[in-house]
Amino acid sequence: MKPKVRCTTANDLLLERRWTGASRRIPLALGERVRLNSGSPIGLVVAIGDDVVTIAWPTGEATFPPECLRRV
């Protein structure tokens, strides 16, 4: 009988590794056009913090981790 594997533990380890590993992505810059990885209207980078990026749309602003965004 195979042992049961808890997927949440594996996912937690994967997320931990992702957050602690050095990113190979080029950092975002002010004024770049971006979109959420999950889909969104195109937004503009208006502020960059240590671990977050603020994006502005015509309807408002929101803050996300850079891993959630992709350049357009």
Protein backbone atom coordinates (compact mmCIF):
# COMPACT_ATOMS: atom_id res chain seq x y z
CA MET A 1 0.00 0.00 0.00
CA LYS A 2 1.37 3.42 -1.00
CA PRO A 3 1.75 6.08 1.69
CA LYS A 4 -0.61 9.05 1.41
CA VAL A 5 1.03 12.30 0.37
CA ARG A 6 -0.30 15.58 1.64
CA CYS A 7 -0.35 17.94 -1.33
CA THR A 8 -0.54 21.02 0.87
CA THR A 9 2.86 20.22 2.35
CA ALA A 10 4.44 19.88 -1.09
CA ASN A 11 2.77 23.10 -2.23
CA ASP A 12 3.96 24.91 0.89
CA LEU A 13 7.51 23.74 0.25
CA LEU A 14 7.29 24.84 -3.38
CA LEU A 15 6.01 28.29 -2.38
CA GLU A 16 8.70 28.62 0.26
CA ARG A 17 11.40 27.77 -2.25
CA ARG A 18 9.92 30.19 -4.75
CA TRP A 19 9.90 33.05 -2.26
CA THR A 20 13.37 32.44 -0.87
CA GLY A 21 15.14 31.74 -4.16
CA ALA A 22 16.71 34.55 -6.16
CA SER A 23 14.53 35.67 -9.05
CA ARG A 24 15.94 35.52 -12.57
CA ARG A 25 13.33 37.98 -13.83
CA ILE A 26 14.28 41.52 -14.76
CA PRO A 27 12.72 43.81 -12.14
CA LEU A 28 9.76 45.94 -13.20
CA ALA A 29 10.32 49.68 -13.64
CA LEU A 30 8.06 52.69 -13.17
CA GLY A 31 5.87 53.35 -16.20
CA GLU A 32 5.90 49.78 -17.55
CA ARG A 33 2.67 48.33 -18.89
CA VAL A 34 1.69 45.10 -17.13
CA ARG A 35 -1.17 42.64 -16.80
CA LEU A 36 -2.01 40.18 -14.01
CA ASN A 37 -1.00 36.58 -14.79
CA SER A 38 -4.60 35.57 -14.10
CA GLY A 39 -5.87 38.13 -16.61
CA SER A 40 -6.77 41.80 -16.22
CA PRO A 41 -6.89 45.03 -18.19
CA ILE A 42 -3.48 46.54 -18.96
CA GLY A 43 -2.20 48.63 -16.07
CA LEU A 44 0.72 50.96 -15.44
CA VAL A 45 3.39 50.48 -12.74
CA VAL A 46 3.18 53.58 -10.52
CA ALA A 47 5.13 52.50 -7.41
CA ILE A 48 7.65 49.81 -6.53
CA GLY A 49 8.27 48.61 -2.98
CA ASP A 50 10.58 45.94 -1.55
CA ASP A 51 8.22 43.03 -2.21
CA VAL A 52 5.22 44.68 -3.93
CA VAL A 53 4.34 46.68 -7.03
CA THR A 54 1.46 49.16 -7.27
CA ILE A 55 -0.48 49.10 -10.53
CA ALA A 56 -2.89 51.84 -11.70
CA TRP A 57 -5.89 51.38 -13.96
CA PRO A 58 -8.43 54.01 -15.01
CA THR A 59 -10.71 52.75 -12.21
CA GLY A 60 -8.15 52.74 -9.37
CA GLU A 61 -4.95 51.22 -7.98
CA ALA A 62 -3.94 47.89 -6.43
CA THR A 63 -0.77 46.37 -4.99
CA PHE A 64 0.58 42.93 -5.96
CA PRO A 65 3.76 40.85 -5.59
CA PRO A 66 5.81 41.13 -8.81
CA GLU A 67 5.41 37.37 -9.42
CA CYS A 68 1.71 38.01 -10.12
CA LEU A 69 2.44 40.34 -13.05
CA ARG A 70 3.71 40.06 -16.58
CA ARG A 71 4.86 42.71 -19.02
CA VAL A 72 2.70 43.56 -22.00
